Amino acid sequence: MTASDEGETQETASHPAAPAPEPQQAPGRHARRPGGDPEDHAPAHGSGEEAAETAASETDPQGGESGGDELAAAQKALAERTLDLQRLQAEYLNYKRRVDRDRDLVKQNAVFAVLTNLLPVLDDIDRAREHGELEGGFKAVADALERVVSGLGLTKFGAPGDEFDPNQHEALMHGHSPDVTTTTVDVVAHAGYRIGDRVVRAAKVTVLDPEG
């Protein structure tokens, strides 16, 4: 061995060879922490389910209360709308009754006005009948007119011997008689007329009062 070979041998012994690099772990394998167990990178399925259950348990009571409040609000709104509809229906019925009543009143007033203007004609027919002048075609017209006014509800009242009623009779003259015990109609100058209970014209009469 030469001196140069011996020097190389000593230099090699004084500098040991560098250790070989550790092989890298394949993907998907657990990495080992220095001085401990390998790290676990698997997804924590258990902890996620527990968190969801916890969140559900926290939100369920609030959701139930919210649903109850919405139901109560809907029931209140329904009750209010029902009252509104009932009030509108009552107002409509009252309006309909008022309109029907006013319509009947307008009709009665119109009939009243027409028949009032016909009373002088009816008086002339009565006088003609009393004097025997109601004959022929005039009698037919008079009978037809009396049927028409009777159909409209006009009725005649007032006759000799009726008890005097100041609400239905207008006394033109008073006399006395021993034959009566109460004020009594003697002569009817103009017959009275009424429509139902409504007096169109009071009968114009002379009356007899009891003596003493």
C-alpha atoms as a PDB file:
ATOM      1  CA  MET A   1       0.000   0.000   0.000  1.00  0.00           C
ATOM      2  CA  THR A   2       1.352   3.320  -0.940  1.00  0.00           C
ATOM      3  CA  ALA A   3       1.360   6.424   1.173  1.00  0.00           C
ATOM      4  CA  SER A   4      -1.355   8.037  -0.949  1.00  0.00           C
ATOM      5  CA  ASP A   5      -3.659   5.026  -0.651  1.00  0.00           C
ATOM      6  CA  GLU A   6      -3.181   4.942   3.098  1.00  0.00           C
ATOM      7  CA  GLY A   7      -4.111   8.636   3.357  1.00  0.00           C
ATOM      8  CA  GLU A   8      -7.330   8.085   1.355  1.00  0.00           C
ATOM      9  CA  THR A   9      -8.258   5.197   3.621  1.00  0.00           C
ATOM     10  CA  GLN A  10      -7.864   7.311   6.754  1.00  0.00           C
ATOM     11  CA  GLU A  11      -9.846  10.171   5.241  1.00  0.00           C
ATOM     12  CA  THR A  12     -12.705   7.839   4.355  1.00  0.00           C
ATOM     13  CA  ALA A  13     -12.776   6.399   7.884  1.00  0.00           C
ATOM     14  CA  SER A  14     -12.809   9.837   9.464  1.00  0.00           C
ATOM     15  CA  HIS A  15     -15.890  10.922   7.334  1.00  0.00           C
ATOM     16  CA  PRO A  16     -18.603   8.268   7.499  1.00  0.00           C
ATOM     17  CA  ALA A  17     -21.003   7.993   4.587  1.00  0.00           C
ATOM     18  CA  ALA A  18     -24.290  10.083   4.707  1.00  0.00           C
ATOM     19  CA  PRO A  19     -27.358   8.085   5.654  1.00  0.00           C
ATOM     20  CA  ALA A  20     -29.720   7.092   2.873  1.00  0.00           C
ATOM     21  CA  PRO A  21     -32.913   9.228   2.577  1.00  0.00           C
ATOM     22  CA  GLU A  22     -36.016   7.770   4.160  1.00  0.00           C
ATOM     23  CA  PRO A  23     -38.577   6.550   1.694  1.00  0.00           C
ATOM     24  CA  GLN A  24     -41.703   8.842   1.313  1.00  0.00           C
ATOM     25  CA  GLN A  25     -45.035   7.491   2.347  1.00  0.00           C
ATOM     26  CA  ALA A  26     -47.543   6.762  -0.334  1.00  0.00           C
ATOM     27  CA  PRO A  27     -50.553   9.048  -0.615  1.00  0.00           C
ATOM     28  CA  GLY A  28     -53.483   8.036   1.561  1.00  0.00           C
ATOM     29  CA  ARG A  29     -51.351   6.586   4.301  1.00  0.00           C
ATOM     30  CA  HIS A  30     -51.449   7.997   7.808  1.00  0.00           C
ATOM     31  CA  ALA A  31     -48.574  10.347   8.509  1.00  0.00           C
ATOM     32  CA  ARG A  32     -46.673   9.630  11.672  1.00  0.00           C
ATOM     33  CA  ARG A  33     -46.162  12.507  14.014  1.00  0.00           C
ATOM     34  CA  PRO A  34     -42.648  12.773  15.359  1.00  0.00           C
ATOM     35  CA  GLY A  35     -42.469  10.734  18.520  1.00  0.00           C
ATOM     36  CA  GLY A  36     -46.155   9.739  18.462  1.00  0.00           C
ATOM     37  CA  ASP A  37     -48.998   7.976  16.720  1.00  0.00           C
ATOM     38  CA  PRO A  38     -49.864   8.690  13.144  1.00  0.00           C
ATOM     39  CA  GLU A  39     -52.239  11.580  12.533  1.00  0.00           C
ATOM     40  CA  ASP A  40     -55.805  10.644  11.670  1.00  0.00           C
ATOM     41  CA  HIS A  41     -57.088  12.693   8.731  1.00  0.00           C
ATOM     42  CA  ALA A  42     -60.346  10.744   8.315  1.00  0.00           C
ATOM     43  CA  PRO A  43     -63.513  12.930   8.372  1.00  0.00           C
ATOM     44  CA  ALA A  44     -65.105  13.131  11.778  1.00  0.00           C
ATOM     45  CA  HIS A  45     -68.510  11.743  10.818  1.00  0.00           C
ATOM     46  CA  GLY A  46     -69.602  11.236  14.419  1.00  0.00           C
ATOM     47  CA  SER A  47     -68.920  14.793  15.504  1.00  0.00           C
ATOM     48  CA  GLY A  48     -70.813  16.233  12.473  1.00  0.00           C
ATOM     49  CA  GLU A  49     -73.953  14.222  13.230  1.00  0.00           C
ATOM     50  CA  GLU A  50     -73.839  15.227  16.879  1.00  0.00           C
ATOM     51  CA  ALA A  51     -73.537  18.903  15.881  1.00  0.00           C
ATOM     52  CA  ALA A  52     -76.515  18.604  13.539  1.00  0.00           C
ATOM     53  CA  GLU A  53     -78.606  16.942  16.248  1.00  0.00           C
ATOM     54  CA  THR A  54     -77.612  19.641  18.734  1.00  0.00           C
ATOM     55  CA  ALA A  55     -78.530  22.404  16.283  1.00  0.00           C
ATOM     56  CA  ALA A  56     -81.854  20.720  15.536  1.00  0.00           C
ATOM     57  CA  SER A  57     -82.635  20.351  19.238  1.00  0.00           C
ATOM     58  CA  GLU A  58     -81.890  24.047  19.725  1.00  0.00           C
ATOM     59  CA  THR A  59     -83.967  25.252  16.772  1.00  0.00           C
ATOM     60  CA  ASP A  60     -86.970  22.891  17.079  1.00  0.00           C
ATOM     61  CA  PRO A  61     -88.500  24.591  20.133  1.00  0.00           C
ATOM     62  CA  GLN A  62     -88.169  27.987  18.506  1.00  0.00           C
ATOM     63  CA  GLY A  63     -89.661  26.644  15.282  1.00  0.00           C
ATOM     64  CA  GLY A  64     -92.618  25.233  17.215  1.00  0.00           C
ATOM     65  CA  GLU A  65     -93.237  28.537  18.957  1.00  0.00           C
ATOM     66  CA  SER A  66     -93.018  30.399  15.625  1.00  0.00           C
ATOM     67  CA  GLY A  67     -95.519  28.025  14.060  1.00  0.00           C
ATOM     68  CA  GLY A  68     -97.890  28.467  17.002  1.00  0.00           C
ATOM     69  CA  ASP A  69     -97.671  32.256  16.727  1.00  0.00           C
ATOM     70  CA  GLU A  70     -98.424  32.117  12.996  1.00  0.00           C
ATOM     71  CA  LEU A  71    -101.448  29.881  13.606  1.00  0.00           C
ATOM     72  CA  ALA A  72    -102.783  32.191  16.314  1.00  0.00           C
ATOM     73  CA  ALA A  73    -102.301  35.210  14.039  1.00  0.00           C
ATOM     74  CA  ALA A  74    -104.115  33.431  11.201  1.00  0.00           C
ATOM     75  CA  GLN A  75    -107.016  32.485  13.488  1.00  0.00           C
ATOM     76  CA  LYS A  76    -107.261  36.078  14.747  1.00  0.00           C
ATOM     77  CA  ALA A  77    -107.253  37.422  11.191  1.00  0.00           C
ATOM     78  CA  LEU A  78    -109.952  34.906  10.228  1.00  0.00           C
ATOM     79  CA  ALA A  79    -112.122  35.952  13.176  1.00  0.00           C
ATOM     80  CA  GLU A  80    -111.714  39.623  12.246  1.00  0.00           C
ATOM     81  CA  ARG A  81    -112.622  38.987   8.602  1.00  0.00           C
ATOM     82  CA  THR A  82    -115.650  36.951   9.719  1.00  0.00           C
ATOM     83  CA  LEU A  83    -116.857  39.833  11.896  1.00  0.00           C
ATOM     84  CA  ASP A  84    -116.332  42.231   8.990  1.00  0.00           C
ATOM     85  CA  LEU A  85    -118.414  40.027   6.691  1.00  0.00           C
ATOM     86  CA  GLN A  86    -121.175  39.705   9.283  1.00  0.00           C
ATOM     87  CA  ARG A  87    -121.226  43.459   9.779  1.00  0.00           C
ATOM     88  CA  LEU A  88    -121.394  44.048   6.021  1.00  0.00           C
ATOM     89  CA  GLN A  89    -124.206  41.535   5.683  1.00  0.00           C
ATOM     90  CA  ALA A  90    -126.183  43.214   8.477  1.00  0.00           C
ATOM     91  CA  GLU A  91    -125.640  46.630   6.890  1.00  0.00           C
ATOM     92  CA  TYR A  92    -126.784  45.305   3.512  1.00  0.00           C
ATOM     93  CA  LEU A  93    -129.939  43.775   5.015  1.00  0.00           C
ATOM     94  CA  ASN A  94    -130.755  47.032   6.803  1.00  0.00           C
ATOM     95  CA  TYR A  95    -130.152  48.950   3.581  1.00  0.00           C
ATOM     96  CA  LYS A  96    -132.397  46.557   1.630  1.00  0.00           C
ATOM     97  CA  ARG A  97    -135.203  46.885   4.184  1.00  0.00           C
ATOM     98  CA  ARG A  98    -134.889  50.671   4.116  1.00  0.00           C
ATOM     99  CA  VAL A  99    -134.975  50.744   0.310  1.00  0.00           C
ATOM    100  CA  ASP A 100    -138.014  48.444   0.211  1.00  0.00           C
ATOM    101  CA  ARG A 101    -139.776  50.569   2.833  1.00  0.00           C
ATOM    102  CA  ASP A 102    -138.982  53.782   0.960  1.00  0.00           C
ATOM    103  CA  ARG A 103    -140.144  52.235  -2.304  1.00  0.00           C
ATOM    104  CA  ASP A 104    -143.471  51.255  -0.753  1.00  0.00           C
ATOM    105  CA  LEU A 105    -143.829  54.723   0.764  1.00  0.00           C
ATOM    106  CA  VAL A 106    -143.164  56.414  -2.586  1.00  0.00           C
ATOM    107  CA  LYS A 107    -145.743  54.164  -4.227  1.00  0.00           C
ATOM    108  CA  GLN A 108    -148.333  54.906  -1.538  1.00  0.00           C
ATOM    109  CA  ASN A 109    -147.721  58.643  -1.800  1.00  0.00           C
ATOM    110  CA  ALA A 110    -148.095  58.537  -5.585  1.00  0.00           C
ATOM    111  CA  VAL A 111    -151.362  56.606  -5.328  1.00  0.00           C
ATOM    112  CA  PHE A 112    -152.535  58.961  -2.585  1.00  0.00           C
ATOM    113  CA  ALA A 113    -151.848  62.025  -4.760  1.00  0.00           C
ATOM    114  CA  VAL A 114    -153.676  60.577  -7.790  1.00  0.00           C
ATOM    115  CA  LEU A 115    -156.729  59.469  -5.826  1.00  0.00           C
ATOM    116  CA  THR A 116    -156.911  62.785  -3.975  1.00  0.00           C
ATOM    117  CA  ASN A 117    -157.259  64.560  -7.316  1.00  0.00           C
ATOM    118  CA  LEU A 118    -160.045  62.119  -8.323  1.00  0.00           C
ATOM    119  CA  LEU A 119    -162.193  62.788  -5.250  1.00  0.00           C
ATOM    120  CA  PRO A 120    -164.125  65.702  -6.803  1.00  0.00           C
ATOM    121  CA  VAL A 121    -165.000  63.429  -9.748  1.00  0.00           C
ATOM    122  CA  LEU A 122    -166.227  60.752  -7.350  1.00  0.00           C
ATOM    123  CA  ASP A 123    -168.315  63.393  -5.543  1.00  0.00           C
ATOM    124  CA  ASP A 124    -169.956  64.362  -8.841  1.00  0.00           C
ATOM    125  CA  ILE A 125    -170.739  60.703  -9.518  1.00  0.00           C
ATOM    126  CA  ASP A 126    -172.380  60.392  -6.095  1.00  0.00           C
ATOM    127  CA  ARG A 127    -174.549  63.481  -6.661  1.00  0.00           C
ATOM    128  CA  ALA A 128    -175.552  62.261 -10.098  1.00  0.00           C
ATOM    129  CA  ARG A 129    -176.533  58.920  -8.617  1.00  0.00           C
ATOM    130  CA  GLU A 130    -178.626  60.622  -5.893  1.00  0.00           C
ATOM    131  CA  HIS A 131    -180.535  62.610  -8.506  1.00  0.00           C
ATOM    132  CA  GLY A 132    -181.067  59.668 -10.838  1.00  0.00           C
ATOM    133  CA  GLU A 133    -178.880  61.140 -13.554  1.00  0.00           C
ATOM    134  CA  LEU A 134    -176.417  58.235 -13.665  1.00  0.00           C
ATOM    135  CA  GLU A 135    -177.642  56.414 -16.747  1.00  0.00           C
ATOM    136  CA  GLY A 136    -176.434  55.059 -20.062  1.00  0.00           C
ATOM    137  CA  GLY A 137    -172.795  55.463 -21.042  1.00  0.00           C
ATOM    138  CA  PHE A 138    -172.076  57.838 -18.172  1.00  0.00           C
ATOM    139  CA  LYS A 139    -173.109  55.121 -15.719  1.00  0.00           C
ATOM    140  CA  ALA A 140    -170.749  52.636 -17.383  1.00  0.00           C
ATOM    141  CA  VAL A 141    -167.852  55.121 -17.142  1.00  0.00           C
ATOM    142  CA  ALA A 142    -168.689  55.886 -13.512  1.00  0.00           C
ATOM    143  CA  ASP A 143    -168.824  52.200 -12.609  1.00  0.00           C
ATOM    144  CA  ALA A 144    -165.489  51.562 -14.341  1.00  0.00           C
ATOM    145  CA  LEU A 145    -163.834  54.473 -12.528  1.00  0.00           C
ATOM    146  CA  GLU A 146    -165.111  53.279  -9.163  1.00  0.00           C
ATOM    147  CA  ARG A 147    -163.746  49.803  -9.851  1.00  0.00           C
ATOM    148  CA  VAL A 148    -160.319  51.258 -10.702  1.00  0.00           C
ATOM    149  CA  VAL A 149    -160.028  53.368  -7.560  1.00  0.00           C
ATOM    150  CA  SER A 150    -161.299  50.479  -5.461  1.00  0.00           C
ATOM    151  CA  GLY A 151    -158.565  48.294  -6.979  1.00  0.00           C
ATOM    152  CA  LEU A 152    -156.000  50.887  -5.864  1.00  0.00           C
ATOM    153  CA  GLY A 153    -157.180  50.452  -2.273  1.00  0.00           C
ATOM    154  CA  LEU A 154    -159.525  53.435  -1.999  1.00  0.00           C
ATOM    155  CA  THR A 155    -162.594  52.728   0.139  1.00  0.00           C
ATOM    156  CA  LYS A 156    -165.564  54.958   0.904  1.00  0.00           C
ATOM    157  CA  PHE A 157    -166.916  55.478   4.402  1.00  0.00           C
ATOM    158  CA  GLY A 158    -169.520  57.639   6.114  1.00  0.00           C
ATOM    159  CA  ALA A 159    -173.216  56.930   6.280  1.00  0.00           C
ATOM    160  CA  PRO A 160    -176.192  58.330   8.231  1.00  0.00           C
ATOM    161  CA  GLY A 161    -176.478  56.692  11.645  1.00  0.00           C
ATOM    162  CA  ASP A 162    -172.714  56.140  12.113  1.00  0.00           C
ATOM    163  CA  GLU A 163    -171.297  57.197  15.454  1.00  0.00           C
ATOM    164  CA  PHE A 164    -169.403  60.418  15.054  1.00  0.00           C
ATOM    165  CA  ASP A 165    -165.597  59.930  15.047  1.00  0.00           C
ATOM    166  CA  PRO A 166    -163.572  63.139  14.912  1.00  0.00           C
ATOM    167  CA  ASN A 167    -160.696  61.200  13.328  1.00  0.00           C
ATOM    168  CA  GLN A 168    -162.892  60.230  10.363  1.00  0.00           C
ATOM    169  CA  HIS A 169    -165.670  62.809  10.269  1.00  0.00           C
ATOM    170  CA  GLU A 170    -165.720  66.565   9.835  1.00  0.00           C
ATOM    171  CA  ALA A 171    -168.814  68.033  11.476  1.00  0.00           C
ATOM    172  CA  LEU A 172    -170.305  70.836   9.388  1.00  0.00           C
ATOM    173  CA  MET A 173    -173.287  71.427  11.667  1.00  0.00           C
ATOM    174  CA  HIS A 174    -174.611  70.161  15.001  1.00  0.00           C
ATOM    175  CA  GLY A 175    -178.223  69.484  15.960  1.00  0.00           C
ATOM    176  CA  HIS A 176    -180.024  67.817  18.859  1.00  0.00           C
ATOM    177  CA  SER A 177    -182.377  64.877  18.902  1.00  0.00           C
ATOM    178  CA  PRO A 178    -184.075  62.800  21.623  1.00  0.00           C
ATOM    179  CA  ASP A 179    -183.633  59.744  19.405  1.00  0.00           C
ATOM    180  CA  VAL A 180    -179.835  59.501  19.831  1.00  0.00           C
ATOM    181  CA  THR A 181    -177.789  58.653  22.907  1.00  0.00           C
ATOM    182  CA  THR A 182    -174.431  59.678  21.426  1.00  0.00           C
ATOM    183  CA  THR A 183    -173.281  62.093  18.760  1.00  0.00           C
ATOM    184  CA  THR A 184    -174.446  60.537  15.521  1.00  0.00           C
ATOM    185  CA  VAL A 185    -174.021  61.285  11.814  1.00  0.00           C
ATOM    186  CA  ASP A 186    -177.223  62.720  10.361  1.00  0.00           C
ATOM    187  CA  VAL A 187    -176.444  63.777   6.786  1.00  0.00           C
ATOM    188  CA  VAL A 188    -173.349  62.985   4.694  1.00  0.00           C
ATOM    189  CA  ALA A 189    -172.472  65.983   2.542  1.00  0.00           C
ATOM    190  CA  HIS A 190    -169.296  64.400   1.115  1.00  0.00           C
ATOM    191  CA  ALA A 191    -168.292  60.811   1.623  1.00  0.00           C
ATOM    192  CA  GLY A 192    -165.008  60.067   3.306  1.00  0.00           C
ATOM    193  CA  TYR A 193    -162.255  57.994   1.702  1.00  0.00           C
ATOM    194  CA  ARG A 194    -159.319  56.031   3.089  1.00  0.00           C
ATOM    195  CA  ILE A 195    -156.498  53.874   1.793  1.00  0.00           C
ATOM    196  CA  GLY A 196    -155.972  51.122   4.301  1.00  0.00           C
ATOM    197  CA  ASP A 197    -155.847  52.873   7.671  1.00  0.00           C
ATOM    198  CA  ARG A 198    -154.811  56.187   6.146  1.00  0.00           C
ATOM    199  CA  VAL A 199    -157.642  58.698   5.777  1.00  0.00           C
ATOM    200  CA  VAL A 200    -157.479  60.431   2.422  1.00  0.00           C
ATOM    201  CA  ARG A 201    -160.369  62.716   3.227  1.00  0.00           C
ATOM    202  CA  ALA A 202    -162.603  62.902   6.264  1.00  0.00           C
ATOM    203  CA  ALA A 203    -166.352  62.573   5.637  1.00  0.00           C
ATOM    204  CA  LYS A 204    -168.111  65.935   5.795  1.00  0.00           C
ATOM    205  CA  VAL A 205    -171.299  65.443   7.779  1.00  0.00           C
ATOM    206  CA  THR A 206    -173.950  67.038   9.926  1.00  0.00           C
ATOM    207  CA  VAL A 207    -174.383  65.446  13.334  1.00  0.00           C
ATOM    208  CA  LEU A 208    -177.039  65.094  16.003  1.00  0.00           C
ATOM    209  CA  ASP A 209    -176.184  65.340  19.698  1.00  0.00           C
ATOM    210  CA  PRO A 210    -178.374  63.842  22.434  1.00  0.00           C
ATOM    211  CA  GLU A 211    -180.663  66.304  24.226  1.00  0.00           C
ATOM    212  CA  GLY A 212    -179.966  67.410  27.761  1.00  0.00           C
END
